[in-house]
Amino acid sequence: MTNSDPSHKEPQIIRTIGELRAAVSTYRKSDLTGKIGFVPTMGYLHEGHASLIRRSAAENGLTVLSIFVNPIQFGPNEDLDKYPRDEARDLKVAAASGASIIFLPTVAEMYPTKRVTTVSVNEVSDFLCGASRPGHFDGVATVVAKLFNIVQPDRAYFGMKDAQQVAVITRMVQDLNMPVEVVPCPIVREADGLALSSRNVYLDTKSRSEATILSKALAKSESWISEGTTAADLISRISSAIKGQSAIADIDYVDVLAYPGLTHLEQGKPLASIDADVLIAVAVRFGQTRLIDNKLLNPAKAGAIPCSAK
């Protein structure tokens, strides 16, 4: 059974944990060798999500897509209530991309009683979004652990736009011996370089135009590294480039860290001499909209590392 062809039968829509477990069990019994791929999302699907679904459908016999806006990963002043939702549109994108099952649980289904268990992944969540959004990755790790237990996939697909999320989930899987292969997939961008995000819908015309400075500044990082810049120098250059080309950009962070451990690099050492994976990450607000982007490099090899090789 393969769903890599978008013309396959319509996906099964499931809203309860019990029904999903039964469907997965039925598949396991009917195909002892077929793999199960899983794509967890918060919906408002775009081409980035679609690329994950297509890859899973090409590599597995069954692809489960979850759509759940997880309340416990949002802070008290964040955009939970206004987070974009469009179930009808999501179902069309999922079906066209090759999903076999679409899991659409309610908050009550996922958290039926007072929650007293939290999954925390320390160290890799200390910086970047983990510092500016306290508790965010506890919420992410907890819900993904729940979903892994429900779906029991062989492979799970995540976009590298949120590279820290990939690092957190990968470390959780390693530390807890979860039998899941975490598959990082490339950032998908608009033609002008803006990384696709469900939150892009919030951007007004001016913000949308100026948001492209993020990918442009990151793109310059390789040439700056070749000039002998250090991590501190690179952070300064990227920050200056963003501020210099956008009067409305409010920088949350610009940072350069070892990946996937997300630790700071040796101070004063030229990045070009580092033969290891380095993540250059930014988070910037344009009005009320917070966008993230990143670039993953091995500076000594002077080239980006394909996320599929991670």
C-alpha atoms as a PDB file:
ATOM      1  CA  MET A   1       0.000   0.000   0.000  1.00  0.00           C
ATOM      2  CA  THR A   2       1.471   3.362  -0.979  1.00  0.00           C
ATOM      3  CA  ASN A   3       0.030   6.853  -0.902  1.00  0.00           C
ATOM      4  CA  SER A   4       2.754   8.715  -2.805  1.00  0.00           C
ATOM      5  CA  ASP A   5       0.310   9.198  -5.667  1.00  0.00           C
ATOM      6  CA  PRO A   6      -2.040  12.140  -4.924  1.00  0.00           C
ATOM      7  CA  SER A   7      -4.808  10.275  -6.785  1.00  0.00           C
ATOM      8  CA  HIS A   8      -5.113   7.691  -3.989  1.00  0.00           C
ATOM      9  CA  LYS A   9      -8.364   7.305  -2.101  1.00  0.00           C
ATOM     10  CA  GLU A  10      -9.518  10.068   0.212  1.00  0.00           C
ATOM     11  CA  PRO A  11      -7.863  10.034   3.636  1.00  0.00           C
ATOM     12  CA  GLN A  12      -9.719   8.761   6.669  1.00  0.00           C
ATOM     13  CA  ILE A  13     -10.697  11.544   9.073  1.00  0.00           C
ATOM     14  CA  ILE A  14     -10.414  10.540  12.726  1.00  0.00           C
ATOM     15  CA  ARG A  15     -11.171  12.654  15.791  1.00  0.00           C
ATOM     16  CA  THR A  16     -10.668  10.305  18.740  1.00  0.00           C
ATOM     17  CA  ILE A  17      -7.612   8.595  20.168  1.00  0.00           C
ATOM     18  CA  GLY A  18      -9.370   5.230  20.395  1.00  0.00           C
ATOM     19  CA  GLU A  19     -10.413   5.271  16.751  1.00  0.00           C
ATOM     20  CA  LEU A  20      -6.915   6.273  15.622  1.00  0.00           C
ATOM     21  CA  ARG A  21      -5.280   3.506  17.618  1.00  0.00           C
ATOM     22  CA  ALA A  22      -7.716   1.005  16.124  1.00  0.00           C
ATOM     23  CA  ALA A  23      -6.976   2.201  12.567  1.00  0.00           C
ATOM     24  CA  VAL A  24      -3.210   2.004  13.091  1.00  0.00           C
ATOM     25  CA  SER A  25      -3.547  -1.457  14.654  1.00  0.00           C
ATOM     26  CA  THR A  26      -5.602  -2.656  11.694  1.00  0.00           C
ATOM     27  CA  TYR A  27      -2.924  -1.412   9.312  1.00  0.00           C
ATOM     28  CA  ARG A  28      -0.144  -3.091  11.289  1.00  0.00           C
ATOM     29  CA  LYS A  29      -1.992  -6.404  11.175  1.00  0.00           C
ATOM     30  CA  SER A  30      -2.730  -6.129   7.450  1.00  0.00           C
ATOM     31  CA  ASP A  31       0.801  -5.151   6.433  1.00  0.00           C
ATOM     32  CA  LEU A  32       3.525  -6.485   8.714  1.00  0.00           C
ATOM     33  CA  THR A  33       6.314  -4.846   6.700  1.00  0.00           C
ATOM     34  CA  GLY A  34       4.720  -1.476   5.922  1.00  0.00           C
ATOM     35  CA  LYS A  35       6.085   1.544   7.752  1.00  0.00           C
ATOM     36  CA  ILE A  36       4.010   4.294   9.352  1.00  0.00           C
ATOM     37  CA  GLY A  37       4.991   7.904   8.781  1.00  0.00           C
ATOM     38  CA  PHE A  38       3.705  10.738  10.958  1.00  0.00           C
ATOM     39  CA  VAL A  39       3.484  14.489  10.331  1.00  0.00           C
ATOM     40  CA  PRO A  40       2.396  16.468  13.417  1.00  0.00           C
ATOM     41  CA  THR A  41       1.090  19.971  12.658  1.00  0.00           C
ATOM     42  CA  MET A  42      -1.027  22.759  14.101  1.00  0.00           C
ATOM     43  CA  GLY A  43      -2.918  23.113  10.840  1.00  0.00           C
ATOM     44  CA  TYR A  44      -3.350  26.056   8.475  1.00  0.00           C
ATOM     45  CA  LEU A  45      -1.316  23.946   6.104  1.00  0.00           C
ATOM     46  CA  HIS A  46       1.009  25.464   3.530  1.00  0.00           C
ATOM     47  CA  GLU A  47       3.511  24.073   1.028  1.00  0.00           C
ATOM     48  CA  GLY A  48       6.017  23.425   3.803  1.00  0.00           C
ATOM     49  CA  HIS A  49       3.581  21.049   5.500  1.00  0.00           C
ATOM     50  CA  ALA A  50       2.624  19.556   2.145  1.00  0.00           C
ATOM     51  CA  SER A  51       6.272  18.734   1.424  1.00  0.00           C
ATOM     52  CA  LEU A  52       6.474  16.788   4.690  1.00  0.00           C
ATOM     53  CA  ILE A  53       3.296  14.852   3.882  1.00  0.00           C
ATOM     54  CA  ARG A  54       4.532  14.028   0.370  1.00  0.00           C
ATOM     55  CA  ARG A  55       7.855  12.779   1.667  1.00  0.00           C
ATOM     56  CA  SER A  56       6.182  10.610   4.279  1.00  0.00           C
ATOM     57  CA  ALA A  57       3.773   9.226   1.699  1.00  0.00           C
ATOM     58  CA  ALA A  58       6.690   8.373  -0.596  1.00  0.00           C
ATOM     59  CA  GLU A  59       8.652   6.624   2.149  1.00  0.00           C
ATOM     60  CA  ASN A  60       5.929   4.824   4.110  1.00  0.00           C
ATOM     61  CA  GLY A  61       2.920   2.641   3.551  1.00  0.00           C
ATOM     62  CA  LEU A  62       0.687   4.735   5.827  1.00  0.00           C
ATOM     63  CA  THR A  63       0.948   8.454   6.564  1.00  0.00           C
ATOM     64  CA  VAL A  64      -0.812   9.926   9.577  1.00  0.00           C
ATOM     65  CA  LEU A  65      -1.208  13.699   9.716  1.00  0.00           C
ATOM     66  CA  SER A  66      -2.277  15.341  12.961  1.00  0.00           C
ATOM     67  CA  ILE A  67      -3.824  18.797  13.146  1.00  0.00           C
ATOM     68  CA  PHE A  68      -3.978  20.115  16.688  1.00  0.00           C
ATOM     69  CA  VAL A  69      -3.407  23.632  18.001  1.00  0.00           C
ATOM     70  CA  ASN A  70      -1.704  22.675  21.236  1.00  0.00           C
ATOM     71  CA  PRO A  71      -2.634  25.135  23.990  1.00  0.00           C
ATOM     72  CA  ILE A  72       0.148  24.173  26.390  1.00  0.00           C
ATOM     73  CA  GLN A  73       2.912  25.445  24.093  1.00  0.00           C
ATOM     74  CA  PHE A  74       1.479  28.982  24.003  1.00  0.00           C
ATOM     75  CA  GLY A  75       2.393  31.575  26.625  1.00  0.00           C
ATOM     76  CA  PRO A  76      -0.240  33.745  28.356  1.00  0.00           C
ATOM     77  CA  ASN A  77       0.262  36.680  25.976  1.00  0.00           C
ATOM     78  CA  GLU A  78       0.715  34.701  22.770  1.00  0.00           C
ATOM     79  CA  ASP A  79      -1.606  34.076  19.833  1.00  0.00           C
ATOM     80  CA  LEU A  80      -3.477  30.905  20.839  1.00  0.00           C
ATOM     81  CA  ASP A  81      -6.955  32.387  20.358  1.00  0.00           C
ATOM     82  CA  LYS A  82      -6.204  33.973  16.995  1.00  0.00           C
ATOM     83  CA  TYR A  83      -3.905  31.272  15.617  1.00  0.00           C
ATOM     84  CA  PRO A  84      -5.124  30.718  12.028  1.00  0.00           C
ATOM     85  CA  ARG A  85      -7.447  27.763  11.496  1.00  0.00           C
ATOM     86  CA  ASP A  86      -9.150  26.485   8.339  1.00  0.00           C
ATOM     87  CA  GLU A  87     -10.150  22.833   8.594  1.00  0.00           C
ATOM     88  CA  ALA A  88     -11.773  22.580   5.149  1.00  0.00           C
ATOM     89  CA  ARG A  89      -8.664  23.972   3.462  1.00  0.00           C
ATOM     90  CA  ASP A  90      -6.391  21.734   5.520  1.00  0.00           C
ATOM     91  CA  LEU A  91      -8.311  18.626   4.513  1.00  0.00           C
ATOM     92  CA  LYS A  92      -7.901  19.489   0.832  1.00  0.00           C
ATOM     93  CA  VAL A  93      -4.144  20.090   1.173  1.00  0.00           C
ATOM     94  CA  ALA A  94      -3.678  16.885   3.172  1.00  0.00           C
ATOM     95  CA  ALA A  95      -5.624  14.779   0.687  1.00  0.00           C
ATOM     96  CA  ALA A  96      -3.778  16.214  -2.300  1.00  0.00           C
ATOM     97  CA  SER A  97      -0.414  15.612  -0.631  1.00  0.00           C
ATOM     98  CA  GLY A  98      -1.004  11.930   0.141  1.00  0.00           C
ATOM     99  CA  ALA A  99      -2.105  11.693   3.781  1.00  0.00           C
ATOM    100  CA  SER A 100      -3.740   8.360   4.648  1.00  0.00           C
ATOM    101  CA  ILE A 101      -5.264   9.396   7.977  1.00  0.00           C
ATOM    102  CA  ILE A 102      -5.981  12.887   9.304  1.00  0.00           C
ATOM    103  CA  PHE A 103      -6.199  13.071  13.092  1.00  0.00           C
ATOM    104  CA  LEU A 104      -8.236  16.064  14.294  1.00  0.00           C
ATOM    105  CA  PRO A 105      -8.577  15.826  18.078  1.00  0.00           C
ATOM    106  CA  THR A 106     -10.144  18.462  20.321  1.00  0.00           C
ATOM    107  CA  VAL A 107      -8.376  19.897  23.349  1.00  0.00           C
ATOM    108  CA  ALA A 108     -10.700  17.821  25.546  1.00  0.00           C
ATOM    109  CA  GLU A 109      -9.711  14.669  23.654  1.00  0.00           C
ATOM    110  CA  MET A 110      -5.989  15.327  24.117  1.00  0.00           C
ATOM    111  CA  TYR A 111      -6.228  16.642  27.683  1.00  0.00           C
ATOM    112  CA  PRO A 112      -9.378  15.094  29.206  1.00  0.00           C
ATOM    113  CA  THR A 113      -8.281  15.589  32.812  1.00  0.00           C
ATOM    114  CA  LYS A 114      -6.008  17.904  34.735  1.00  0.00           C
ATOM    115  CA  ARG A 115      -2.518  17.401  33.340  1.00  0.00           C
ATOM    116  CA  VAL A 116       0.106  16.599  35.996  1.00  0.00           C
ATOM    117  CA  THR A 117       2.807  15.174  33.712  1.00  0.00           C
ATOM    118  CA  THR A 118       5.149  17.341  31.640  1.00  0.00           C
ATOM    119  CA  VAL A 119       8.027  16.304  29.383  1.00  0.00           C
ATOM    120  CA  SER A 120      10.981  18.694  29.694  1.00  0.00           C
ATOM    121  CA  VAL A 121      14.067  18.520  27.505  1.00  0.00           C
ATOM    122  CA  ASN A 122      16.731  20.627  29.173  1.00  0.00           C
ATOM    123  CA  GLU A 123      19.861  22.251  27.720  1.00  0.00           C
ATOM    124  CA  VAL A 124      18.766  22.189  24.056  1.00  0.00           C
ATOM    125  CA  SER A 125      15.796  24.342  25.087  1.00  0.00           C
ATOM    126  CA  ASP A 126      17.833  26.841  27.133  1.00  0.00           C
ATOM    127  CA  PHE A 127      18.468  29.385  24.383  1.00  0.00           C
ATOM    128  CA  LEU A 128      16.719  30.850  21.301  1.00  0.00           C
ATOM    129  CA  CYS A 129      12.947  30.354  21.531  1.00  0.00           C
ATOM    130  CA  GLY A 130      13.377  28.429  24.756  1.00  0.00           C
ATOM    131  CA  ALA A 131      14.676  31.588  26.433  1.00  0.00           C
ATOM    132  CA  SER A 132      12.190  34.032  24.937  1.00  0.00           C
ATOM    133  CA  ARG A 133       9.153  31.720  25.228  1.00  0.00           C
ATOM    134  CA  PRO A 134       9.427  30.090  28.682  1.00  0.00           C
ATOM    135  CA  GLY A 135       7.638  26.749  28.843  1.00  0.00           C
ATOM    136  CA  HIS A 136       7.108  26.571  25.077  1.00  0.00           C
ATOM    137  CA  PHE A 137       9.256  23.514  24.487  1.00  0.00           C
ATOM    138  CA  ASP A 138       7.849  21.743  27.525  1.00  0.00           C
ATOM    139  CA  GLY A 139       4.485  22.047  25.778  1.00  0.00           C
ATOM    140  CA  VAL A 140       5.925  20.887  22.458  1.00  0.00           C
ATOM    141  CA  ALA A 141       7.744  17.888  23.947  1.00  0.00           C
ATOM    142  CA  THR A 142       4.713  16.870  25.991  1.00  0.00           C
ATOM    143  CA  VAL A 143       2.254  16.908  23.113  1.00  0.00           C
ATOM    144  CA  VAL A 144       4.668  15.211  20.696  1.00  0.00           C
ATOM    145  CA  ALA A 145       5.356  12.482  23.262  1.00  0.00           C
ATOM    146  CA  LYS A 146       1.603  11.964  23.595  1.00  0.00           C
ATOM    147  CA  LEU A 147       1.161  11.850  19.820  1.00  0.00           C
ATOM    148  CA  PHE A 148       4.051   9.403  19.402  1.00  0.00           C
ATOM    149  CA  ASN A 149       2.417   7.137  21.989  1.00  0.00           C
ATOM    150  CA  ILE A 150      -0.931   7.370  20.207  1.00  0.00           C
ATOM    151  CA  VAL A 151       0.265   6.938  16.607  1.00  0.00           C
ATOM    152  CA  GLN A 152       3.353   4.773  17.275  1.00  0.00           C
ATOM    153  CA  PRO A 153       4.991   5.805  14.001  1.00  0.00           C
ATOM    154  CA  ASP A 154       8.180   4.420  12.543  1.00  0.00           C
ATOM    155  CA  ARG A 155       9.192   7.831  11.205  1.00  0.00           C
ATOM    156  CA  ALA A 156       8.150  11.386  12.110  1.00  0.00           C
ATOM    157  CA  TYR A 157       8.725  14.359   9.807  1.00  0.00           C
ATOM    158  CA  PHE A 158       9.581  17.882  10.962  1.00  0.00           C
ATOM    159  CA  GLY A 159      10.529  21.022   9.053  1.00  0.00           C
ATOM    160  CA  MET A 160      13.910  22.592   9.773  1.00  0.00           C
ATOM    161  CA  LYS A 161      12.420  26.097   9.894  1.00  0.00           C
ATOM    162  CA  ASP A 162      12.109  25.404  13.598  1.00  0.00           C
ATOM    163  CA  ALA A 163      15.540  23.820  13.977  1.00  0.00           C
ATOM    164  CA  GLN A 164      15.382  24.047  17.760  1.00  0.00           C
ATOM    165  CA  GLN A 165      12.162  22.043  17.780  1.00  0.00           C
ATOM    166  CA  VAL A 166      13.858  19.347  15.709  1.00  0.00           C
ATOM    167  CA  ALA A 167      16.766  19.286  18.181  1.00  0.00           C
ATOM    168  CA  VAL A 168      14.413  19.064  21.175  1.00  0.00           C
ATOM    169  CA  ILE A 169      12.332  16.231  19.690  1.00  0.00           C
ATOM    170  CA  THR A 170      15.417  14.337  18.529  1.00  0.00           C
ATOM    171  CA  ARG A 171      16.963  14.529  22.006  1.00  0.00           C
ATOM    172  CA  MET A 172      13.682  13.455  23.639  1.00  0.00           C
ATOM    173  CA  VAL A 173      13.491  10.413  21.362  1.00  0.00           C
ATOM    174  CA  GLN A 174      17.110   9.501  22.129  1.00  0.00           C
ATOM    175  CA  ASP A 175      16.841   9.977  25.888  1.00  0.00           C
ATOM    176  CA  LEU A 176      13.548   8.099  26.246  1.00  0.00           C
ATOM    177  CA  ASN A 177      14.446   5.317  23.768  1.00  0.00           C
ATOM    178  CA  MET A 178      11.386   5.999  21.641  1.00  0.00           C
ATOM    179  CA  PRO A 179      11.333   3.711  18.568  1.00  0.00           C
ATOM    180  CA  VAL A 180      10.827   6.628  16.170  1.00  0.00           C
ATOM    181  CA  GLU A 181      13.146   7.965  13.474  1.00  0.00           C
ATOM    182  CA  VAL A 182      13.003  11.754  13.452  1.00  0.00           C
ATOM    183  CA  VAL A 183      13.330  12.961   9.856  1.00  0.00           C
ATOM    184  CA  PRO A 184      14.298  16.652   9.466  1.00  0.00           C
ATOM    185  CA  CYS A 185      13.227  18.203   6.163  1.00  0.00           C
ATOM    186  CA  PRO A 186      14.372  21.358   4.340  1.00  0.00           C
ATOM    187  CA  ILE A 187      12.907  24.811   4.891  1.00  0.00           C
ATOM    188  CA  VAL A 188      10.433  25.681   2.134  1.00  0.00           C
ATOM    189  CA  ARG A 189      10.501  29.318   1.026  1.00  0.00           C
ATOM    190  CA  GLU A 190       8.508  31.743  -1.048  1.00  0.00           C
ATOM    191  CA  ALA A 191      10.070  32.899  -4.326  1.00  0.00           C
ATOM    192  CA  ASP A 192      11.475  35.975  -2.541  1.00  0.00           C
ATOM    193  CA  GLY A 193      13.099  33.886   0.189  1.00  0.00           C
ATOM    194  CA  LEU A 194      10.616  34.289   3.040  1.00  0.00           C
ATOM    195  CA  ALA A 195      10.325  31.025   4.976  1.00  0.00           C
ATOM    196  CA  LEU A 196       6.811  29.623   4.797  1.00  0.00           C
ATOM    197  CA  SER A 197       4.902  29.889   8.064  1.00  0.00           C
ATOM    198  CA  SER A 198       1.254  29.734   9.068  1.00  0.00           C
ATOM    199  CA  ARG A 199       1.844  33.062  10.841  1.00  0.00           C
ATOM    200  CA  ASN A 200       2.780  34.812   7.572  1.00  0.00           C
ATOM    201  CA  VAL A 201      -0.951  35.421   7.105  1.00  0.00           C
ATOM    202  CA  TYR A 202      -0.726  37.998   9.912  1.00  0.00           C
ATOM    203  CA  LEU A 203       1.704  40.211   7.976  1.00  0.00           C
ATOM    204  CA  ASP A 204       0.432  43.417   6.394  1.00  0.00           C
ATOM    205  CA  THR A 205       1.860  44.545   3.061  1.00  0.00           C
ATOM    206  CA  LYS A 206       4.749  46.547   4.537  1.00  0.00           C
ATOM    207  CA  SER A 207       5.686  43.862   7.040  1.00  0.00           C
ATOM    208  CA  ARG A 208       5.501  41.150   4.390  1.00  0.00           C
ATOM    209  CA  SER A 209       7.870  43.101   2.159  1.00  0.00           C
ATOM    210  CA  GLU A 210      10.378  43.851   4.916  1.00  0.00           C
ATOM    211  CA  ALA A 211      10.308  40.327   6.368  1.00  0.00           C
ATOM    212  CA  THR A 212      12.449  39.127   3.453  1.00  0.00           C
ATOM    213  CA  ILE A 213      15.434  40.767   5.162  1.00  0.00           C
ATOM    214  CA  LEU A 214      15.676  37.709   7.425  1.00  0.00           C
ATOM    215  CA  SER A 215      16.592  35.278   4.658  1.00  0.00           C
ATOM    216  CA  LYS A 216      18.752  37.912   2.950  1.00  0.00           C
ATOM    217  CA  ALA A 217      20.796  38.530   6.084  1.00  0.00           C
ATOM    218  CA  LEU A 218      21.196  34.798   6.691  1.00  0.00           C
ATOM    219  CA  ALA A 219      22.284  34.301   3.078  1.00  0.00           C
ATOM    220  CA  LYS A 220      25.157  36.742   3.616  1.00  0.00           C
ATOM    221  CA  SER A 221      26.472  34.765   6.571  1.00  0.00           C
ATOM    222  CA  GLU A 222      28.588  32.389   4.474  1.00  0.00           C
ATOM    223  CA  SER A 223      30.529  35.216   2.851  1.00  0.00           C
ATOM    224  CA  TRP A 224      30.974  36.937   6.223  1.00  0.00           C
ATOM    225  CA  ILE A 225      32.261  33.688   7.730  1.00  0.00           C
ATOM    226  CA  SER A 226      34.784  33.362   4.899  1.00  0.00           C
ATOM    227  CA  GLU A 227      36.184  36.766   5.927  1.00  0.00           C
ATOM    228  CA  GLY A 228      37.205  35.343   9.298  1.00  0.00           C
ATOM    229  CA  THR A 229      34.312  36.548  11.421  1.00  0.00           C
ATOM    230  CA  THR A 230      33.649  35.116  14.874  1.00  0.00           C
ATOM    231  CA  ALA A 231      30.237  34.155  16.261  1.00  0.00           C
ATOM    232  CA  ALA A 232      29.946  37.502  18.075  1.00  0.00           C
ATOM    233  CA  ASP A 233      30.915  39.401  14.911  1.00  0.00           C
ATOM    234  CA  LEU A 234      28.407  37.445  12.837  1.00  0.00           C
ATOM    235  CA  ILE A 235      25.606  38.136  15.322  1.00  0.00           C
ATOM    236  CA  SER A 236      26.458  41.847  15.137  1.00  0.00           C
ATOM    237  CA  ARG A 237      26.534  41.874  11.337  1.00  0.00           C
ATOM    238  CA  ILE A 238      23.216  40.065  10.966  1.00  0.00           C
ATOM    239  CA  SER A 239      21.579  42.296  13.568  1.00  0.00           C
ATOM    240  CA  SER A 240      22.865  45.421  11.826  1.00  0.00           C
ATOM    241  CA  ALA A 241      21.680  44.169   8.439  1.00  0.00           C
ATOM    242  CA  ILE A 242      18.154  43.573   9.784  1.00  0.00           C
ATOM    243  CA  LYS A 243      17.933  46.899  11.622  1.00  0.00           C
ATOM    244  CA  GLY A 244      19.511  48.776   8.725  1.00  0.00           C
ATOM    245  CA  GLN A 245      16.962  47.591   6.180  1.00  0.00           C
ATOM    246  CA  SER A 246      13.784  47.514   8.246  1.00  0.00           C
ATOM    247  CA  ALA A 247      12.611  50.278  10.541  1.00  0.00           C
ATOM    248  CA  ILE A 248       9.817  48.098  11.922  1.00  0.00           C
ATOM    249  CA  ALA A 249      11.862  44.960  12.656  1.00  0.00           C
ATOM    250  CA  ASP A 250      12.066  44.255  16.393  1.00  0.00           C
ATOM    251  CA  ILE A 251      14.777  41.651  17.001  1.00  0.00           C
ATOM    252  CA  ASP A 252      13.983  38.993  19.605  1.00  0.00           C
ATOM    253  CA  TYR A 253      17.299  37.211  19.086  1.00  0.00           C
ATOM    254  CA  VAL A 254      20.130  36.573  16.668  1.00  0.00           C
ATOM    255  CA  ASP A 255      22.387  33.747  17.784  1.00  0.00           C
ATOM    256  CA  VAL A 256      25.038  31.330  16.530  1.00  0.00           C
ATOM    257  CA  LEU A 257      25.161  27.947  18.270  1.00  0.00           C
ATOM    258  CA  ALA A 258      26.588  24.458  17.842  1.00  0.00           C
ATOM    259  CA  TYR A 259      23.960  22.081  16.465  1.00  0.00           C
ATOM    260  CA  PRO A 260      22.170  19.951  17.560  1.00  0.00           C
ATOM    261  CA  GLY A 261      23.363  20.471  21.143  1.00  0.00           C
ATOM    262  CA  LEU A 262      22.597  24.207  20.908  1.00  0.00           C
ATOM    263  CA  THR A 263      25.559  25.318  22.993  1.00  0.00           C
ATOM    264  CA  HIS A 264      27.571  28.471  22.498  1.00  0.00           C
ATOM    265  CA  LEU A 265      30.783  28.287  20.512  1.00  0.00           C
ATOM    266  CA  GLU A 266      34.288  29.135  21.696  1.00  0.00           C
ATOM    267  CA  GLN A 267      34.542  32.889  22.079  1.00  0.00           C
ATOM    268  CA  GLY A 268      36.829  34.675  19.655  1.00  0.00           C
ATOM    269  CA  LYS A 269      37.381  31.665  17.397  1.00  0.00           C
ATOM    270  CA  PRO A 270      36.869  32.313  13.668  1.00  0.00           C
ATOM    271  CA  LEU A 271      33.833  30.367  12.523  1.00  0.00           C
ATOM    272  CA  ALA A 272      35.610  29.300   9.332  1.00  0.00           C
ATOM    273  CA  SER A 273      37.883  27.055  11.417  1.00  0.00           C
ATOM    274  CA  ILE A 274      34.979  25.145  13.001  1.00  0.00           C
ATOM    275  CA  ASP A 275      34.404  21.729  11.418  1.00  0.00           C
ATOM    276  CA  ALA A 276      31.044  21.100  13.036  1.00  0.00           C
ATOM    277  CA  ASP A 277      27.408  21.917  12.474  1.00  0.00           C
ATOM    278  CA  VAL A 278      26.588  25.535  13.296  1.00  0.00           C
ATOM    279  CA  LEU A 279      23.083  26.983  13.491  1.00  0.00           C
ATOM    280  CA  ILE A 280      22.601  30.664  12.706  1.00  0.00           C
ATOM    281  CA  ALA A 281      19.130  31.526  13.999  1.00  0.00           C
ATOM    282  CA  VAL A 282      16.963  34.638  14.143  1.00  0.00           C
ATOM    283  CA  ALA A 283      13.610  35.596  15.608  1.00  0.00           C
ATOM    284  CA  VAL A 284      12.165  38.990  14.704  1.00  0.00           C
ATOM    285  CA  ARG A 285       8.819  40.671  15.253  1.00  0.00           C
ATOM    286  CA  PHE A 286       7.183  42.672  12.503  1.00  0.00           C
ATOM    287  CA  GLY A 287       4.373  44.423  14.320  1.00  0.00           C
ATOM    288  CA  GLN A 288       2.617  41.732  16.345  1.00  0.00           C
ATOM    289  CA  THR A 289       3.945  38.889  14.179  1.00  0.00           C
ATOM    290  CA  ARG A 290       6.987  36.964  15.343  1.00  0.00           C
ATOM    291  CA  LEU A 291       8.921  35.139  12.615  1.00  0.00           C
ATOM    292  CA  ILE A 292      11.814  32.712  12.906  1.00  0.00           C
ATOM    293  CA  ASP A 293      14.393  31.623  10.338  1.00  0.00           C
ATOM    294  CA  ASN A 294      17.786  29.941  10.321  1.00  0.00           C
ATOM    295  CA  LYS A 295      20.696  28.628   8.339  1.00  0.00           C
ATOM    296  CA  LEU A 296      22.595  25.438   9.146  1.00  0.00           C
ATOM    297  CA  LEU A 297      26.238  25.308   8.084  1.00  0.00           C
ATOM    298  CA  ASN A 298      29.478  23.491   8.553  1.00  0.00           C
ATOM    299  CA  PRO A 299      31.741  26.574   8.246  1.00  0.00           C
ATOM    300  CA  ALA A 300      34.977  24.652   7.664  1.00  0.00           C
ATOM    301  CA  LYS A 301      33.357  22.931   4.708  1.00  0.00           C
ATOM    302  CA  ALA A 302      31.869  26.217   3.466  1.00  0.00           C
ATOM    303  CA  GLY A 303      28.425  24.876   2.658  1.00  0.00           C
ATOM    304  CA  ALA A 304      24.986  24.194   4.027  1.00  0.00           C
ATOM    305  CA  ILE A 305      24.335  20.713   5.388  1.00  0.00           C
ATOM    306  CA  PRO A 306      21.305  19.041   3.810  1.00  0.00           C
ATOM    307  CA  CYS A 307      18.878  18.387   6.632  1.00  0.00           C
ATOM    308  CA  SER A 308      18.087  14.953   5.186  1.00  0.00           C
ATOM    309  CA  ALA A 309      21.601  13.922   6.127  1.00  0.00           C
ATOM    310  CA  LYS A 310      21.100  14.764   9.786  1.00  0.00           C
END
